Protein backbone atom coordinates (compact mmCIF):
# COMPACT_ATOMS: atom_id res chain seq x y z
CA MET A 1 -55.43 247.60 233.98
CA SER A 2 -56.14 245.67 237.12
CA ASN A 3 -52.56 244.49 237.55
CA GLN A 4 -50.75 247.80 237.20
CA GLY A 5 -50.24 248.23 240.90
CA ILE A 6 -48.95 244.73 241.47
CA ALA A 7 -45.31 244.44 242.48
CA PRO A 8 -43.06 242.34 240.21
CA SER A 9 -42.56 239.76 242.95
CA SER A 10 -46.28 239.33 243.71
CA LEU A 11 -46.68 236.24 241.51
CA GLY A 12 -43.52 234.79 243.01
CA LYS A 13 -45.02 235.33 246.45
CA LYS A 14 -48.25 233.64 245.38
CA ILE A 15 -46.29 230.60 244.22
CA LEU A 16 -44.08 230.56 247.33
CA ARG A 17 -47.02 230.89 249.72
CA GLY A 18 -48.94 228.23 247.83
CA VAL A 19 -45.95 225.91 247.99
CA LEU A 20 -45.47 226.55 251.72
CA SER A 21 -49.15 225.80 252.23
CA ASN A 22 -48.78 222.63 250.18
CA LEU A 23 -45.74 221.61 252.21
CA LEU A 24 -47.78 221.91 255.39
CA GLY A 25 -50.68 219.95 253.89
CA GLN A 26 -48.51 217.23 252.38
CA GLY A 27 -46.42 217.11 255.54
CA ALA A 28 -49.51 216.61 257.70
CA VAL A 29 -50.73 213.80 255.43
CA PHE A 30 -47.30 212.16 255.43
CA ILE A 31 -46.94 212.33 259.22
CA LEU A 32 -50.40 210.88 259.72
CA SER A 33 -49.65 208.08 257.24
CA PHE A 34 -46.26 207.48 258.83
CA LEU A 35 -47.78 207.10 262.30
CA LEU A 36 -50.82 205.00 261.38
CA THR A 37 -49.69 202.73 258.52
CA PRO A 38 -47.82 200.31 260.85
CA TRP A 39 -50.99 200.02 262.92
CA LEU A 40 -53.10 199.24 259.83
CA VAL A 41 -50.57 196.72 258.50
CA ARG A 42 -50.37 194.99 261.87
CA HIS A 43 -54.14 194.59 262.19
CA LEU A 44 -55.12 194.07 258.56
CA GLY A 45 -52.02 192.09 257.55
CA ALA A 46 -50.05 192.74 254.38
CA GLY A 47 -52.85 191.22 252.29
CA GLY A 48 -55.59 193.25 253.98
CA TYR A 49 -53.51 196.40 253.58
CA GLY A 50 -53.09 195.51 249.89
CA PHE A 51 -56.89 195.33 249.58
CA TYR A 52 -57.20 198.67 251.42
CA THR A 53 -54.84 200.34 248.92
CA PHE A 54 -56.65 198.69 246.02
CA ILE A 55 -59.79 200.58 247.08
CA TRP A 56 -57.95 203.84 246.40
CA SER A 57 -56.85 202.53 243.01
CA LEU A 58 -60.45 201.65 242.20
CA LEU A 59 -61.59 205.19 243.05
CA SER A 60 -58.84 206.56 240.81
CA TYR A 61 -60.03 204.37 237.94
CA ALA A 62 -63.59 205.59 238.50
CA LEU A 63 -62.42 209.20 238.03
CA ILE A 64 -61.82 208.43 234.36
CA PHE A 65 -65.57 208.99 233.96
CA ASN A 66 -65.21 212.73 234.63
CA PHE A 67 -63.66 212.98 231.11
CA GLY A 68 -61.67 216.14 231.71
CA SER A 69 -64.48 218.14 233.34
CA PHE A 70 -62.44 218.76 236.53
CA TYR A 71 -59.54 220.28 234.64
CA ALA A 72 -61.79 222.41 232.44
CA ALA A 73 -63.53 223.76 235.53
CA GLN A 74 -60.20 224.55 237.22
CA TYR A 75 -58.71 226.15 234.10
CA PHE A 76 -61.68 228.41 233.31
CA THR A 77 -62.11 229.34 236.98
CA SER A 78 -58.51 230.56 237.12
CA LYS A 79 -58.93 232.27 233.74
CA TRP A 80 -62.30 234.03 234.23
CA GLN A 81 -62.66 234.54 237.99
CA GLU A 82 -60.66 237.79 237.98
CA ILE A 83 -62.64 239.20 235.02
CA ILE A 84 -65.89 240.64 236.39
CA GLU A 85 -67.80 240.47 233.11
CA ARG A 86 -66.97 236.75 232.70
CA ARG A 87 -68.12 235.58 236.14
CA GLY A 88 -71.68 234.96 234.96
CA ASP A 89 -70.38 232.80 232.11
CA LEU A 90 -68.22 230.90 234.58
CA ALA A 91 -71.24 230.26 236.83
CA PHE A 92 -73.21 228.87 233.88
CA PHE A 93 -70.47 226.40 232.94
CA LEU A 94 -69.84 225.33 236.52
CA ARG A 95 -73.52 224.57 237.11
CA LYS A 96 -73.61 222.42 233.98
CA THR A 97 -70.35 220.73 234.96
CA PHE A 98 -71.67 219.96 238.44
CA LEU A 99 -74.66 218.14 236.93
CA TYR A 100 -72.35 216.17 234.67
CA VAL A 101 -70.01 215.30 237.56
CA PHE A 102 -72.90 213.95 239.62
CA ALA A 103 -74.27 211.96 236.68
CA SER A 104 -70.88 210.50 235.72
CA GLY A 105 -70.13 209.61 239.35
CA THR A 106 -73.46 207.80 239.54
CA ALA A 107 -72.69 205.91 236.31
CA ALA A 108 -69.27 204.86 237.65
CA ALA A 109 -70.90 203.73 240.92
CA ILE A 110 -73.41 201.54 239.04
CA LEU A 111 -70.60 199.99 236.99
CA VAL A 112 -68.55 199.13 240.07
CA PHE A 113 -71.60 197.73 241.86
CA GLU A 114 -72.51 195.51 238.92
CA SER A 115 -68.88 194.34 238.62
CA ARG A 116 -68.40 193.61 242.35
CA HIS A 117 -68.39 189.81 241.98
CA ILE A 118 -66.01 189.90 239.01
CA LEU A 119 -63.61 192.19 240.89
CA ALA A 120 -63.72 190.04 244.02
CA ASN A 121 -63.12 186.78 242.15
CA ARG A 122 -60.29 188.24 240.06
CA PHE A 123 -58.33 190.05 242.75
CA LEU A 124 -59.26 188.06 245.87
CA HIS A 125 -58.97 184.36 246.51
CA GLY A 126 -60.81 181.73 248.51
CA PRO A 127 -63.35 182.68 251.20
CA SER A 128 -62.32 186.37 251.14
CA ALA A 129 -64.00 186.79 247.72
CA ALA A 130 -67.50 186.79 249.27
CA SER A 131 -66.71 189.52 251.79
CA GLY A 132 -64.78 191.35 249.08
CA SER A 133 -67.96 191.62 246.99
CA ALA A 134 -69.70 193.35 249.88
CA VAL A 135 -66.78 195.78 250.27
CA PHE A 136 -66.86 196.67 246.56
CA ALA A 137 -70.63 197.20 246.77
CA LEU A 138 -70.19 199.62 249.68
CA ILE A 139 -67.33 201.44 247.97
CA SER A 140 -69.53 201.99 244.91
CA LEU A 141 -71.89 204.07 247.09
CA SER A 142 -69.07 206.49 247.93
CA ILE A 143 -68.15 207.22 244.29
CA PRO A 144 -70.69 210.02 243.52
CA PHE A 145 -69.63 211.88 246.68
CA TYR A 146 -65.96 211.30 245.82
CA PHE A 147 -66.52 212.81 242.37
CA MET A 148 -68.16 215.91 243.87
CA ALA A 149 -65.44 216.33 246.50
CA GLN A 150 -62.73 216.16 243.83
CA PHE A 151 -64.65 218.62 241.63
CA PHE A 152 -64.89 221.18 244.44
CA PHE A 153 -61.25 220.57 245.33
CA ASN A 154 -60.25 221.49 241.75
CA LEU A 155 -62.31 224.68 241.95
CA LEU A 156 -60.41 225.74 245.08
CA TRP A 157 -57.18 225.35 243.10
CA GLY A 158 -58.66 227.43 240.30
CA LEU A 159 -59.51 230.13 242.86
CA LYS A 160 -55.90 229.94 244.13
CA ARG A 161 -57.18 229.19 247.63
CA PHE A 162 -54.26 226.88 248.24
CA SER A 163 -54.39 226.86 252.05
CA LEU A 164 -58.04 225.83 252.06
CA ALA A 165 -57.44 223.16 249.39
CA ASN A 166 -54.60 221.71 251.43
CA THR A 167 -56.75 221.76 254.53
CA PHE A 168 -59.24 219.58 252.66
CA LEU A 169 -56.42 217.21 251.72
CA ALA A 170 -55.35 216.90 255.36
CA VAL A 171 -58.96 216.45 256.56
CA GLN A 172 -59.50 213.66 254.02
CA ALA A 173 -56.41 211.85 255.30
CA PHE A 174 -57.52 212.35 258.90
CA LEU A 175 -61.04 211.07 258.22
CA ILE A 176 -60.02 207.99 256.24
CA THR A 177 -56.59 206.97 257.56
CA GLY A 178 -57.33 208.08 261.10
CA GLY A 179 -60.85 206.68 261.01
CA ALA A 180 -59.69 203.34 259.58
CA SER A 181 -57.08 203.05 262.35
CA LEU A 182 -59.75 203.74 264.95
CA LEU A 183 -62.06 201.13 263.43
CA VAL A 184 -59.43 198.38 263.45
CA TYR A 185 -58.63 199.30 267.06
CA PHE A 186 -62.21 198.36 267.95
CA GLY A 187 -61.99 195.15 265.94
CA PHE A 188 -63.74 196.19 262.71
CA GLN A 189 -62.40 195.21 259.31
CA LEU A 190 -62.71 196.29 255.67
CA LYS A 191 -66.52 196.44 255.49
CA ALA A 192 -66.55 199.09 258.19
CA ILE A 193 -63.72 200.94 256.44
CA ALA A 194 -65.80 200.93 253.23
CA VAL A 195 -68.68 202.56 255.17
CA LEU A 196 -66.14 205.10 256.42
CA PHE A 197 -65.31 205.96 252.79
CA ILE A 198 -68.98 206.80 252.16
CA PHE A 199 -69.22 209.01 255.25
CA SER A 200 -65.91 210.84 254.67
CA GLN A 201 -66.62 211.64 251.01
CA LEU A 202 -70.12 212.87 251.87
CA VAL A 203 -68.70 215.22 254.51
CA LEU A 204 -65.96 216.49 252.16
CA SER A 205 -68.37 217.09 249.28
CA LEU A 206 -70.77 219.08 251.49
CA ALA A 207 -67.93 221.13 252.96
CA GLY A 208 -66.50 221.80 249.50
CA LEU A 209 -69.89 222.93 248.21
CA PHE A 210 -70.14 225.41 251.09
CA PHE A 211 -66.90 227.14 250.08
CA VAL A 212 -67.40 227.24 246.30
CA TYR A 213 -71.16 227.87 246.19
CA PRO A 214 -70.75 231.62 245.41
CA LEU A 215 -69.22 230.61 242.07
CA PHE A 216 -72.45 228.83 241.12
CA SER A 217 -74.93 231.40 242.40
CA ARG A 218 -74.06 234.29 240.07
CA PRO A 219 -76.65 235.09 237.36
CA SER A 220 -75.61 234.37 233.79
CA SER A 221 -76.84 235.56 230.44
CA ARG A 222 -76.77 233.66 227.17
CA VAL A 223 -73.41 231.97 226.67
CA LEU A 224 -71.56 232.57 223.43
CA PRO A 225 -71.23 229.50 221.16
CA GLN A 226 -67.45 230.01 220.99
CA ASP A 227 -67.15 229.89 224.79
CA ARG A 228 -69.17 226.69 224.88
CA LYS A 229 -66.94 225.22 222.19
CA ASP A 230 -63.76 226.27 224.01
CA TYR A 231 -64.94 224.81 227.32
CA LEU A 232 -66.04 221.48 225.87
CA SER A 233 -62.94 221.29 223.68
CA PHE A 234 -60.64 221.78 226.67
CA ALA A 235 -62.49 219.12 228.65
CA ALA A 236 -62.36 216.68 225.73
CA LYS A 237 -58.65 217.28 225.17
CA SER A 238 -58.02 216.73 228.90
CA ALA A 239 -59.95 213.45 228.95
CA LEU A 240 -57.48 211.34 226.99
CA PRO A 241 -54.45 212.13 229.16
CA LEU A 242 -56.61 211.50 232.25
CA ILE A 243 -57.39 207.99 231.02
CA PHE A 244 -53.78 207.11 230.29
CA VAL A 245 -52.44 208.82 233.43
CA THR A 246 -54.74 206.56 235.43
CA LEU A 247 -53.81 203.46 233.43
CA VAL A 248 -50.11 204.18 234.01
CA SER A 249 -50.14 205.47 237.60
CA GLN A 250 -52.63 202.88 238.91
CA GLY A 251 -52.21 200.14 236.31
CA ASP A 252 -49.12 198.73 237.98
CA ARG A 253 -51.16 197.95 241.11
CA ALA A 254 -53.87 196.30 239.02
CA ALA A 255 -51.22 194.28 237.16
CA VAL A 256 -49.56 193.19 240.42
CA GLY A 257 -52.97 192.24 241.86
CA PHE A 258 -53.78 190.31 238.67
CA TRP A 259 -50.62 188.17 238.67
CA LEU A 260 -49.53 188.10 242.32
CA SER A 261 -51.02 187.66 245.78
CA LEU A 262 -52.64 190.37 247.89
CA THR A 263 -49.60 190.23 250.18
CA GLN A 264 -47.32 191.13 247.26
CA LEU A 265 -49.80 193.84 246.29
CA GLY A 266 -49.51 195.18 249.83
CA TYR A 267 -45.72 195.31 249.58
CA TYR A 268 -45.83 196.97 246.17
CA SER A 269 -48.58 199.46 247.06
CA LEU A 270 -46.64 200.50 250.14
CA SER A 271 -43.50 201.08 248.03
CA ALA A 272 -45.42 203.00 245.36
CA SER A 273 -47.44 205.18 247.72
CA LEU A 274 -44.35 206.00 249.79
CA ALA A 275 -42.37 206.96 246.68
CA GLN A 276 -45.23 209.18 245.51
CA LYS A 277 -45.49 210.87 248.91
CA PHE A 278 -41.76 211.66 248.94
CA ASN A 279 -42.05 213.16 245.46
CA SER A 280 -45.42 214.88 245.90
CA ILE A 281 -43.76 218.17 246.89
CA SER A 282 -42.56 218.79 243.35
CA ALA A 283 -46.06 218.11 242.05
CA SER A 284 -47.30 220.60 244.64
CA VAL A 285 -45.10 223.32 243.16
CA ALA A 286 -46.46 222.60 239.69
CA ALA A 287 -50.06 222.45 240.91
CA VAL A 288 -49.70 225.82 242.64
CA SER A 289 -48.04 227.30 239.56
CA PHE A 290 -50.66 226.11 237.06
CA PRO A 291 -53.46 228.64 237.75
CA ILE A 292 -50.89 231.44 238.05
CA LEU A 293 -49.17 230.52 234.78
CA SER A 294 -52.61 230.19 233.16
CA GLU A 295 -53.36 233.74 234.28
CA LEU A 296 -50.13 235.00 232.65
CA ILE A 297 -50.96 233.18 229.41
CA GLY A 298 -54.41 234.75 229.44
CA LYS A 299 -52.83 238.21 229.80
CA GLY A 300 -50.28 237.53 227.04
CA GLU A 301 -47.27 238.25 229.30
CA GLU A 302 -44.92 235.87 227.52
CA GLU A 303 -41.57 237.05 228.90
CA ARG A 304 -42.86 237.09 232.46
CA LEU A 305 -44.40 233.64 231.91
CA ARG A 306 -41.05 232.25 230.81
CA ARG A 307 -39.22 233.77 233.79
CA ILE A 308 -41.80 232.59 236.34
CA TYR A 309 -41.85 229.12 234.76
CA LEU A 310 -38.06 228.70 235.03
CA LYS A 311 -38.08 229.84 238.66
CA ALA A 312 -41.03 227.62 239.57
CA ALA A 313 -39.32 224.65 237.90
CA GLU A 314 -36.11 225.36 239.81
CA LEU A 315 -38.07 225.55 243.06
CA SER A 316 -39.69 222.19 242.32
CA PHE A 317 -36.29 220.57 241.73
CA PHE A 318 -34.87 222.14 244.89
CA ALA A 319 -37.74 220.44 246.74
CA LEU A 320 -37.65 217.16 244.84
CA PHE A 321 -33.96 216.25 244.55
CA PRO A 322 -33.04 216.01 248.25
CA LEU A 323 -36.09 213.93 249.11
CA SER A 324 -35.39 211.59 246.22
CA ILE A 325 -31.71 211.17 247.15
CA PHE A 326 -32.28 210.71 250.87
CA SER A 327 -35.18 208.33 250.39
CA PHE A 328 -33.16 206.28 247.89
CA ILE A 329 -30.23 205.96 250.30
CA LEU A 330 -32.12 205.53 253.59
CA ILE A 331 -35.05 203.33 252.56
CA PRO A 332 -33.62 200.03 253.98
CA GLN A 333 -33.08 201.55 257.44
CA PHE A 334 -36.34 203.48 257.34
CA MET A 335 -38.42 200.46 256.32
CA SER A 336 -36.76 198.19 258.90
CA LEU A 337 -37.44 200.65 261.70
CA TRP A 338 -40.93 201.45 260.45
CA LEU A 339 -42.45 198.07 259.54
CA GLY A 340 -39.78 195.42 260.09
CA THR A 341 -37.17 193.41 258.23
CA SER A 342 -39.58 191.56 255.91
CA PHE A 343 -40.95 194.83 254.53
CA SER A 344 -37.43 196.23 254.16
CA GLN A 345 -36.31 193.23 252.13
CA ALA A 346 -39.44 193.22 249.94
CA CYS A 347 -39.85 196.97 249.39
CA THR A 348 -36.34 198.45 249.12
CA TRP A 349 -35.56 197.92 245.43
CA PRO A 350 -39.11 198.44 244.13
CA PHE A 351 -39.14 201.69 246.08
CA ARG A 352 -35.75 202.81 244.72
CA MET A 353 -36.76 202.17 241.12
CA LEU A 354 -40.09 203.93 241.64
CA VAL A 355 -38.40 206.98 243.20
CA ILE A 356 -36.28 207.42 240.06
CA ALA A 357 -39.32 206.79 237.84
CA ASN A 358 -41.34 209.38 239.75
CA LEU A 359 -38.46 211.85 239.49
CA LEU A 360 -38.53 211.49 235.69
CA ASN A 361 -42.32 211.70 235.61
CA LEU A 362 -42.42 214.88 237.70
CA SER A 363 -39.75 216.49 235.51
CA ILE A 364 -42.36 216.67 232.73
CA TYR A 365 -45.25 217.66 235.00
CA MET A 366 -44.79 221.41 234.68
CA PRO A 367 -44.26 221.32 230.88
CA SER A 368 -47.50 219.35 230.75
CA GLN A 369 -49.21 222.10 232.71
CA ILE A 370 -47.91 224.75 230.31
CA ALA A 371 -49.19 222.75 227.32
CA SER A 372 -52.61 222.49 228.99
CA ALA A 373 -52.66 226.18 229.86
CA ARG A 374 -51.92 226.93 226.19
CA GLY A 375 -55.12 225.05 225.33
CA ASN A 376 -53.27 221.92 224.20
CA PRO A 377 -53.85 219.33 226.93
CA HIS A 378 -53.95 216.64 224.22
CA TRP A 379 -50.15 216.99 223.89
CA VAL A 380 -49.86 215.38 227.29
CA SER A 381 -51.82 212.43 225.92
CA TYR A 382 -49.00 211.57 223.55
CA ALA A 383 -46.57 211.09 226.44
CA TRP A 384 -48.96 208.98 228.51
CA ILE A 385 -50.06 206.87 225.53
CA LEU A 386 -46.40 206.18 224.78
CA LYS A 387 -45.75 205.23 228.40
CA PHE A 388 -48.65 202.82 228.41
CA ALA A 389 -47.59 201.39 225.06
CA PHE A 390 -44.21 200.57 226.62
CA LEU A 391 -45.61 199.47 229.97
CA PHE A 392 -48.25 197.01 228.84
CA PRO A 393 -45.83 194.51 227.24
CA LEU A 394 -43.25 195.17 229.98
CA TRP A 395 -45.75 194.14 232.67
CA PHE A 396 -46.55 190.93 230.81
CA VAL A 397 -42.85 190.06 230.58
CA LEU A 398 -41.45 191.34 233.88
CA ILE A 399 -44.11 190.80 236.58
CA PRO A 400 -44.58 187.00 236.14
CA ARG A 401 -40.77 186.57 236.19
CA TRP A 402 -39.58 189.07 238.81
CA GLY A 403 -42.72 189.97 240.75
CA ILE A 404 -42.94 193.44 242.25
CA ASN A 405 -39.33 194.21 241.23
CA GLY A 406 -40.44 193.61 237.64
CA ALA A 407 -43.44 195.94 238.04
CA ALA A 408 -41.18 198.74 239.34
CA ALA A 409 -38.58 198.11 236.62
CA GLY A 410 -41.29 198.41 233.97
CA MET A 411 -42.32 201.81 235.31
CA LEU A 412 -38.70 203.00 235.32
CA ILE A 413 -37.97 201.83 231.77
CA ALA A 414 -41.11 203.50 230.40
CA GLU A 415 -40.27 206.82 232.10
CA ILE A 416 -36.71 206.77 230.75
CA LEU A 417 -37.98 206.26 227.19
CA VAL A 418 -40.55 209.09 227.35
CA ALA A 419 -39.40 211.87 229.73
CA ALA A 420 -36.49 213.49 227.87
CA PRO A 421 -38.14 213.65 224.40
CA PHE A 422 -41.33 215.10 225.86
CA LEU A 423 -39.43 217.70 227.89
CA ILE A 424 -37.49 218.90 224.83
CA TRP A 425 -40.59 218.90 222.60
CA THR A 426 -42.91 220.88 224.89
CA HIS A 427 -40.26 223.42 225.93
CA ALA A 428 -39.44 224.18 222.30
CA LEU A 429 -43.07 224.56 221.17
CA THR A 430 -44.66 226.28 224.20
CA LEU A 431 -41.86 228.48 225.58
CA ARG A 432 -39.19 228.55 222.87
CA LEU A 433 -36.89 227.19 225.53
CA GLY A 434 -33.81 225.14 224.68
CA ILE A 435 -32.68 222.18 226.73
CA PHE A 436 -29.36 223.78 227.72
CA GLU A 437 -31.03 226.96 228.96
CA PHE A 438 -33.46 224.85 231.00
CA LEU A 439 -30.61 222.81 232.48
CA LEU A 440 -28.66 225.94 233.43
CA SER A 441 -31.62 227.93 234.74
CA SER A 442 -33.70 225.28 236.51
CA ILE A 443 -31.62 222.17 237.19
CA LEU A 444 -27.95 223.13 237.68
CA ARG A 445 -28.20 224.71 241.13
CA PRO A 446 -30.51 222.04 242.63
CA ALA A 447 -28.24 219.35 241.13
CA ILE A 448 -25.07 220.82 242.74
CA SER A 449 -26.73 221.01 246.17
CA SER A 450 -28.08 217.47 245.75
CA LEU A 451 -24.67 216.11 244.76
CA ALA A 452 -23.22 217.38 248.04
CA LEU A 453 -26.12 215.78 249.91
CA GLY A 454 -25.65 212.49 248.05
CA ILE A 455 -21.94 212.36 248.92
CA PHE A 456 -22.74 212.99 252.58
CA GLY A 457 -25.45 210.31 252.62
CA PHE A 458 -23.38 207.70 250.77
CA PHE A 459 -20.47 207.82 253.21
CA PHE A 460 -22.37 208.00 256.51
CA HIS A 461 -25.76 206.25 256.08
CA ALA A 462 -24.42 202.85 257.20
CA LEU A 463 -23.99 204.23 260.73
CA ILE A 464 -27.77 204.53 261.21
CA GLY A 465 -29.48 201.90 263.34
CA THR A 466 -32.10 203.76 265.41
CA TRP A 467 -34.87 206.30 264.91
CA ILE A 468 -32.79 208.91 266.72
CA GLY A 469 -29.88 208.25 264.38
CA LEU A 470 -32.14 208.38 261.31
CA ILE A 471 -33.80 211.64 262.37
CA GLY A 472 -30.49 213.26 263.38
CA PHE A 473 -28.82 212.18 260.14
CA SER A 474 -31.74 213.54 258.10
CA LEU A 475 -31.76 216.88 259.93
CA LEU A 476 -28.02 217.30 259.48
CA GLY A 477 -28.36 216.49 255.77
CA ILE A 478 -31.20 219.02 255.43
CA PHE A 479 -29.11 221.77 257.05
CA ILE A 480 -26.21 220.99 254.73
CA TYR A 481 -28.50 221.04 251.71
CA LEU A 482 -30.30 224.25 252.71
CA GLY A 483 -27.01 226.03 253.39
CA ILE A 484 -25.53 225.12 250.01
CA SER A 485 -28.82 225.87 248.24
CA TYR A 486 -29.04 229.33 249.81
CA LEU A 487 -25.52 230.12 248.63
CA LEU A 488 -26.42 229.05 245.10
CA ILE A 489 -29.82 230.69 244.51
CA ASP A 490 -29.90 234.11 242.88
CA ALA A 491 -30.46 237.45 244.62
CA ASP A 492 -34.15 237.75 243.65
CA ALA A 493 -34.97 234.36 245.14
CA LYS A 494 -33.06 235.21 248.34
CA THR A 495 -34.96 238.50 248.69
CA LEU A 496 -38.29 236.74 248.15
CA LEU A 497 -37.51 234.10 250.76
CA ILE A 498 -36.32 236.65 253.33
CA GLU A 499 -39.43 238.81 252.82
CA GLU A 500 -41.78 235.85 253.11
CA LEU A 501 -40.07 234.41 256.20
CA SER A 502 -40.01 237.80 257.89
CA LEU A 503 -43.76 238.12 257.33
CA LYS A 504 -44.30 234.71 258.92
CA ILE A 505 -42.13 235.63 261.94
CA ARG A 506 -44.06 238.87 262.51
């Protein structure tokens, strides 16, 4: 009854506005990273920067201890928040989840603290191992606050408060990347940056609590056993993919750090993080779509779900393809201008392989979201378990022989072996969607526009030798791509874009 007065395009507008908000947030983070990374590399060195990025990997590994609680909280927030009679039940589960998040974050912190000497001796060498132990000890103190900040961040997504969630993302980048740059300017090193992690996560967790506290404060009656079972079951099913997602997405850095030097880890981490930033826009589309698609599933609007899914997938590919193509072609010039010739030579081919691997990974991101929204997040586990099963022996074979090129090649091979079968499987079972319909509805138009962009880039990229040339070339390519894309998209999408842009102009 509550949605009778909603216009047919309202969900499309929600997705579009969420994506535009995500673009601004991701763009702000990328610009900040782009401006400050050379400064950090220059003052920390490639090895010190490798250690700095390893801290982020360590925090990602620690998040395994949440065991799906973040995703359960986001899913049930998006599902129950609009139903007045379920808000008390939601408050009950969120209060219990908050206690679990704090306890699991504390347990992860204790584990990292107790393992600080082992971590330092394994991943650091020589005299730096002693100072590394102190850094790991300090980082362990930030983990409970990091858990809480990530928990509140997921609740904002569940509430569909995309602008606020992206503001938090930008603030986190400003506090840590900006703060670390300021610290090295005054001569401080990684110990001070570790203290900065504690401070920034404390601030973010307190700010997040301020915005989501009304969700917790509502009175609740006795919770039905079936609701408790559904909540815990969803969290448990989400836990396994979380473990293997972390092992795959962060395991390559751990493997590089295990076999190679911190300098090589710095080169590889820079390539991997840059590739992920270029491709994060597609993930942003899927992240924005997830609570909206979950809402449609909850209402049983299957035909509308299928239509919105195909359009959201097409939008993600329209965003992803040009960035992937341009970054693949222009990475040697970009890296030379940004960090110098040595980084360009070391990072170009790892980056190119990781861009393709990320493209394949993100192609199954939205089907994974649909499977989770259907109450089957364990399906996603199959894909990630398979990836890790392929990756683990590949790392053992490729990294000792070919270094960071071998690490990137392993990621690419694993994605090739898993992406297409998973895409076909989940589409057939969750949406009754065939591969040819998906290709025609979601991929064909972005692929045609991207082909034109690739031809343009291939023939003219060699002329670039300055920042002005790189920026001008990129802007011209974007205009070409946007023009062709606008000609190709259907009438409904054009109308939606025109309406949204006109609202922004007013």
